[in-house]
Amino acid sequence: MKQQAFLLALFIQLLTTECFAERHRNSTIGNHPSGNKIAVTFRIDVTDLKVDTKEAFSIGIRGNVLPLTWNDTYPMTDKNKDNIYEATILFYLPVTELKLEYKYLLGTDAWENTGNRIMNSAETKLVLPVVHFNDGPPALTDDHADPKLLYDEIARMDSLLFAAYNSQDVEKMMSFFDPDLEFYHDKGGLTNYAQNEAASREIFSRQQNIRRELVKGSLKVYPVKDYGAMEIGAHQFCHEENGKMDCGTFQFLMIWQKKDGKWKITRVASYDH
């Protein structure tokens, strides 16, 4: 099975873990047509932004309750050509109150540099006030910040990172890492950004069915003063070998730096192999 050799290459490749996740709360509530139905209209004024209106999904929204997710963008449109983009989204809930966390983004990866927006409502039809990009709750900057918001942010990043991993999109995956990355593996030693990128491409070229899943309940997030956050958890990697899925569960630690409003992984420790 050569599992040890495979795992060595696998983890030299790419990290571990991200924020966005055990929970990623990535859609904590599903579609329940027989449940409570809530229609919410989101509105954002982009007059002060440079927007390429030729792109179909240049402005959108992501969140933690279906049909919103943290991985896929729900498009918004400007039908009136007044620079106010809108989207009316229908949520089916098994409960009476919608508890939503969400963010707006431009293009495919330009997130708001703020904390998650939060909305709690039991109204069946709701039109939200017009907002502006980056006018959401304060971003987390120090160890006095709300730990739940930090957890949500890192869980979201983790989810996005490994969505790229599971789809074998090396360029997207490596965009989450700082060029000065240091990756520590208990069996493979220390590797850098270029080595991890090369290893990832090599593994994906011969492994079509390889996936990473965060172990439910394992994710922990701690602030790192004046720097960013520390993510600790366990995750399972599975790949196909001899016609069967071969899986292993391992521990990881990642250091995220938030600089100029963007999160990047600068250090990774992968261990307990």
Foldseek 3Di string as FASTA:
>chain_A
DVVVVVVLLVPLQDFDDWLAALCLLFAVFAADPVAAKAKEKAKEAQPVDDFDLVDQAQKFKAWNHPVHGLADTDGWDDPVPPRMTMDIDMGGGNDQKDWMWMWMAGDRDRTALAFTAIDIDRDRYYYDDYYYGNPGHHHDAFQVDDQVRLSNHTSSVYVNLQVCLQVLVLVSNLVQADQLAWEQEPPNGTDGSVSNSVSSVVCVVPFVHKHKDFNNPFWDWGADHRFGIKIWGKMKMWTDDPNDIDIDIWIKMWDWGQDPSDIHTRYMYTDDD
